[in-house]
C-alpha cells in the first residue's frame, strides 16, 4: 500500500480542489419518474441514485411501480419504454436499444417484492408499455 510522503508523520497539508466545484440539486419527488427514452445505463444510475427516497417510479396501466432494484443489461428489439417479463426475468427496454433487468418492485400498498412477483396481477408473462405522465 502506498502512502503520501509525510502523511503519516503529520506533515500533510490540505490542497484546494482543482477545477470547478460540483453542485448536486436537492432530491425532489418529480425526479422519480423513469423516462424510457434515456439510455439503459442512465436509468440504472437513476434507480440507484434515488434510493431510498424518492425511489424511481414506472407507471404501467395507470398504476405506479417503484423500481427498487436493477440488474444487468442485454440487447432488446422492443420499443423504448416496453416492459417485458416471463420466467427469465423482467426487463425494461431503454432508448438505446438495451434492456435493463428489474429485480425488485413495489406496487402501491404492497411490500417490496421480487419483480416477477410484483408483476403477477398482469400475468406470469407479458409485454406492457410504460406510460408518460
C-alpha atoms as a PDB file:
ATOM      1  CA  UNK A   1       0.000   0.000   0.000  1.00  0.00           C
ATOM      2  CA  UNK A   2       1.461   3.372  -0.975  1.00  0.00           C
ATOM      3  CA  UNK A   3       1.327   6.381   1.328  1.00  0.00           C
ATOM      4  CA  UNK A   4       1.831  10.010   0.500  1.00  0.00           C
ATOM      5  CA  UNK A   5       5.180  11.253   1.792  1.00  0.00           C
ATOM      6  CA  UNK A   6       4.801  12.981   5.143  1.00  0.00           C
ATOM      7  CA  UNK A   7       1.181  11.839   5.545  1.00  0.00           C
ATOM      8  CA  UNK A   8       1.813   9.523   8.457  1.00  0.00           C
ATOM      9  CA  UNK A   9       4.254  11.912  10.100  1.00  0.00           C
ATOM     10  CA  UNK A  10       1.609  14.619  10.394  1.00  0.00           C
ATOM     11  CA  UNK A  11       3.241  16.813   7.756  1.00  0.00           C
ATOM     12  CA  UNK A  12       0.445  16.513   5.184  1.00  0.00           C
ATOM     13  CA  UNK A  13      -1.067  19.816   4.085  1.00  0.00           C
ATOM     14  CA  UNK A  14      -4.561  20.302   2.625  1.00  0.00           C
ATOM     15  CA  UNK A  15      -4.679  21.283  -1.033  1.00  0.00           C
ATOM     16  CA  UNK A  16      -7.642  23.046  -2.660  1.00  0.00           C
ATOM     17  CA  UNK A  17      -9.572  21.021  -5.213  1.00  0.00           C
ATOM     18  CA  UNK A  18      -8.564  21.726  -8.792  1.00  0.00           C
ATOM     19  CA  UNK A  19     -11.274  22.617 -11.293  1.00  0.00           C
ATOM     20  CA  UNK A  20     -14.823  23.915 -10.853  1.00  0.00           C
ATOM     21  CA  UNK A  21     -16.948  22.891  -7.907  1.00  0.00           C
ATOM     22  CA  UNK A  22     -19.789  20.492  -8.298  1.00  0.00           C
ATOM     23  CA  UNK A  23     -23.402  21.051  -7.380  1.00  0.00           C
ATOM     24  CA  UNK A  24     -25.922  18.381  -6.506  1.00  0.00           C
ATOM     25  CA  UNK A  25     -29.539  19.584  -6.549  1.00  0.00           C
ATOM     26  CA  UNK A  26     -31.875  18.687  -3.716  1.00  0.00           C
ATOM     27  CA  UNK A  27     -33.805  15.495  -4.420  1.00  0.00           C
ATOM     28  CA  UNK A  28     -37.460  16.021  -5.297  1.00  0.00           C
ATOM     29  CA  UNK A  29     -40.376  13.651  -5.903  1.00  0.00           C
ATOM     30  CA  UNK A  30     -40.545  14.868  -9.527  1.00  0.00           C
ATOM     31  CA  UNK A  31     -37.181  13.187 -10.197  1.00  0.00           C
ATOM     32  CA  UNK A  32     -38.684   9.743  -9.556  1.00  0.00           C
ATOM     33  CA  UNK A  33     -40.336   9.209 -12.979  1.00  0.00           C
ATOM     34  CA  UNK A  34     -38.289   6.947 -15.256  1.00  0.00           C
ATOM     35  CA  UNK A  35     -38.074   8.025 -18.879  1.00  0.00           C
ATOM     36  CA  UNK A  36     -37.884   5.015 -21.192  1.00  0.00           C
ATOM     37  CA  UNK A  37     -36.119   7.068 -23.873  1.00  0.00           C
ATOM     38  CA  UNK A  38     -32.998   7.502 -21.709  1.00  0.00           C
ATOM     39  CA  UNK A  39     -30.115   5.070 -22.066  1.00  0.00           C
ATOM     40  CA  UNK A  40     -30.214   1.871 -20.004  1.00  0.00           C
ATOM     41  CA  UNK A  41     -27.109   2.963 -18.111  1.00  0.00           C
ATOM     42  CA  UNK A  42     -28.717   6.328 -17.243  1.00  0.00           C
ATOM     43  CA  UNK A  43     -31.848   4.541 -15.970  1.00  0.00           C
ATOM     44  CA  UNK A  44     -29.697   2.114 -13.980  1.00  0.00           C
ATOM     45  CA  UNK A  45     -27.867   5.029 -12.362  1.00  0.00           C
ATOM     46  CA  UNK A  46     -31.109   6.909 -11.651  1.00  0.00           C
ATOM     47  CA  UNK A  47     -32.653   3.902  -9.883  1.00  0.00           C
ATOM     48  CA  UNK A  48     -29.582   3.513  -7.689  1.00  0.00           C
ATOM     49  CA  UNK A  49     -29.263   7.250  -7.024  1.00  0.00           C
ATOM     50  CA  UNK A  50     -32.855   7.717  -5.886  1.00  0.00           C
ATOM     51  CA  UNK A  51     -32.638   5.152  -3.092  1.00  0.00           C
ATOM     52  CA  UNK A  52     -34.176   5.177  -0.559  1.00  0.00           C
ATOM     53  CA  UNK A  53     -36.145   8.329  -1.363  1.00  0.00           C
ATOM     54  CA  UNK A  54     -37.858   9.325  -3.602  1.00  0.00           C
ATOM     55  CA  UNK A  55     -37.300   5.958  -5.370  1.00  0.00           C
ATOM     56  CA  UNK A  56     -37.569   5.579  -9.141  1.00  0.00           C
ATOM     57  CA  UNK A  57     -41.101   5.031 -10.461  1.00  0.00           C
ATOM     58  CA  UNK A  58     -42.576   3.470 -13.561  1.00  0.00           C
ATOM     59  CA  UNK A  59     -46.218   3.976 -14.498  1.00  0.00           C
ATOM     60  CA  UNK A  60     -47.895   0.922 -16.038  1.00  0.00           C
ATOM     61  CA  UNK A  61     -51.604   0.791 -16.916  1.00  0.00           C
ATOM     62  CA  UNK A  62     -52.384   3.630 -14.527  1.00  0.00           C
ATOM     63  CA  UNK A  63     -50.516   2.060 -11.602  1.00  0.00           C
ATOM     64  CA  UNK A  64     -47.220   3.263 -10.198  1.00  0.00           C
ATOM     65  CA  UNK A  65     -44.482   0.693  -9.689  1.00  0.00           C
ATOM     66  CA  UNK A  66     -41.489   1.720  -7.607  1.00  0.00           C
ATOM     67  CA  UNK A  67     -38.304   0.301  -9.083  1.00  0.00           C
ATOM     68  CA  UNK A  68     -36.043  -0.582  -6.171  1.00  0.00           C
ATOM     69  CA  UNK A  69     -33.571  -2.990  -7.717  1.00  0.00           C
ATOM     70  CA  UNK A  70     -31.939  -3.362 -11.115  1.00  0.00           C
ATOM     71  CA  UNK A  71     -29.572  -5.919 -12.597  1.00  0.00           C
ATOM     72  CA  UNK A  72     -27.775  -6.377 -15.887  1.00  0.00           C
ATOM     73  CA  UNK A  73     -28.272  -5.147 -19.430  1.00  0.00           C
ATOM     74  CA  UNK A  74     -28.971  -7.007 -22.666  1.00  0.00           C
ATOM     75  CA  UNK A  75     -29.921  -6.031 -26.243  1.00  0.00           C
ATOM     76  CA  UNK A  76     -33.650  -5.729 -26.930  1.00  0.00           C
ATOM     77  CA  UNK A  77     -35.696  -5.426 -30.139  1.00  0.00           C
ATOM     78  CA  UNK A  78     -38.610  -3.818 -28.238  1.00  0.00           C
ATOM     79  CA  UNK A  79     -39.585  -0.138 -28.414  1.00  0.00           C
ATOM     80  CA  UNK A  80     -38.224   2.168 -25.690  1.00  0.00           C
ATOM     81  CA  UNK A  81     -40.326   2.074 -22.518  1.00  0.00           C
ATOM     82  CA  UNK A  82     -41.518  -1.508 -23.069  1.00  0.00           C
ATOM     83  CA  UNK A  83     -41.703  -3.764 -20.029  1.00  0.00           C
ATOM     84  CA  UNK A  84     -41.407  -7.479 -20.826  1.00  0.00           C
ATOM     85  CA  UNK A  85     -41.441 -10.259 -18.271  1.00  0.00           C
ATOM     86  CA  UNK A  86     -41.507 -14.045 -18.202  1.00  0.00           C
ATOM     87  CA  UNK A  87     -39.825 -16.777 -16.159  1.00  0.00           C
ATOM     88  CA  UNK A  88     -36.458 -15.416 -17.383  1.00  0.00           C
ATOM     89  CA  UNK A  89     -36.963 -12.103 -15.571  1.00  0.00           C
ATOM     90  CA  UNK A  90     -38.434  -8.636 -16.004  1.00  0.00           C
ATOM     91  CA  UNK A  91     -36.802  -6.260 -18.488  1.00  0.00           C
ATOM     92  CA  UNK A  92     -37.389  -2.576 -19.313  1.00  0.00           C
ATOM     93  CA  UNK A  93     -36.249  -1.505 -22.777  1.00  0.00           C
ATOM     94  CA  UNK A  94     -34.413   1.816 -22.845  1.00  0.00           C
ATOM     95  CA  UNK A  95     -33.903   4.356 -25.601  1.00  0.00           C
ATOM     96  CA  UNK A  96     -30.513   2.957 -26.637  1.00  0.00           C
ATOM     97  CA  UNK A  97     -31.891  -0.486 -27.563  1.00  0.00           C
ATOM     98  CA  UNK A  98     -30.665  -2.088 -24.345  1.00  0.00           C
ATOM     99  CA  UNK A  99     -32.998  -3.729 -21.832  1.00  0.00           C
ATOM    100  CA  UNK A 100     -32.421  -3.235 -18.103  1.00  0.00           C
ATOM    101  CA  UNK A 101     -33.287  -6.084 -15.754  1.00  0.00           C
ATOM    102  CA  UNK A 102     -35.707  -5.091 -12.993  1.00  0.00           C
ATOM    103  CA  UNK A 103     -35.113  -7.185  -9.878  1.00  0.00           C
ATOM    104  CA  UNK A 104     -37.221  -5.591  -7.104  1.00  0.00           C
ATOM    105  CA  UNK A 105     -40.500  -3.682  -7.497  1.00  0.00           C
ATOM    106  CA  UNK A 106     -43.149  -2.293  -5.183  1.00  0.00           C
ATOM    107  CA  UNK A 107     -46.819  -1.793  -6.045  1.00  0.00           C
ATOM    108  CA  UNK A 108     -48.887   0.765  -4.110  1.00  0.00           C
ATOM    109  CA  UNK A 109     -49.850  -0.571  -0.685  1.00  0.00           C
ATOM    110  CA  UNK A 110     -47.656  -3.674  -1.015  1.00  0.00           C
ATOM    111  CA  UNK A 111     -44.233  -4.575   0.359  1.00  0.00           C
ATOM    112  CA  UNK A 112     -41.127  -4.661  -1.814  1.00  0.00           C
ATOM    113  CA  UNK A 113     -41.231  -7.852  -3.884  1.00  0.00           C
ATOM    114  CA  UNK A 114     -39.136  -9.664  -6.475  1.00  0.00           C
ATOM    115  CA  UNK A 115     -40.062  -8.197  -9.870  1.00  0.00           C
ATOM    116  CA  UNK A 116     -41.897 -11.261 -11.184  1.00  0.00           C
ATOM    117  CA  UNK A 117     -43.998 -11.495  -8.028  1.00  0.00           C
ATOM    118  CA  UNK A 118     -44.920  -7.792  -8.205  1.00  0.00           C
ATOM    119  CA  UNK A 119     -45.983  -8.216 -11.854  1.00  0.00           C
ATOM    120  CA  UNK A 120     -48.297 -11.191 -11.124  1.00  0.00           C
ATOM    121  CA  UNK A 121     -51.517  -9.089 -11.354  1.00  0.00           C
ATOM    122  CA  UNK A 122     -50.729  -8.743 -15.086  1.00  0.00           C
ATOM    123  CA  UNK A 123     -49.983 -12.464 -15.514  1.00  0.00           C
ATOM    124  CA  UNK A 124     -46.974 -14.755 -15.317  1.00  0.00           C
ATOM    125  CA  UNK A 125     -45.616 -13.260 -18.534  1.00  0.00           C
ATOM    126  CA  UNK A 126     -46.414 -10.187 -20.513  1.00  0.00           C
ATOM    127  CA  UNK A 127     -45.498  -7.159 -22.528  1.00  0.00           C
ATOM    128  CA  UNK A 128     -46.624  -3.683 -21.456  1.00  0.00           C
ATOM    129  CA  UNK A 129     -45.706  -0.179 -22.477  1.00  0.00           C
ATOM    130  CA  UNK A 130     -44.868   2.234 -19.665  1.00  0.00           C
ATOM    131  CA  UNK A 131     -46.869   5.458 -19.652  1.00  0.00           C
ATOM    132  CA  UNK A 132     -45.639   9.029 -19.702  1.00  0.00           C
ATOM    133  CA  UNK A 133     -47.207  11.476 -17.266  1.00  0.00           C
END
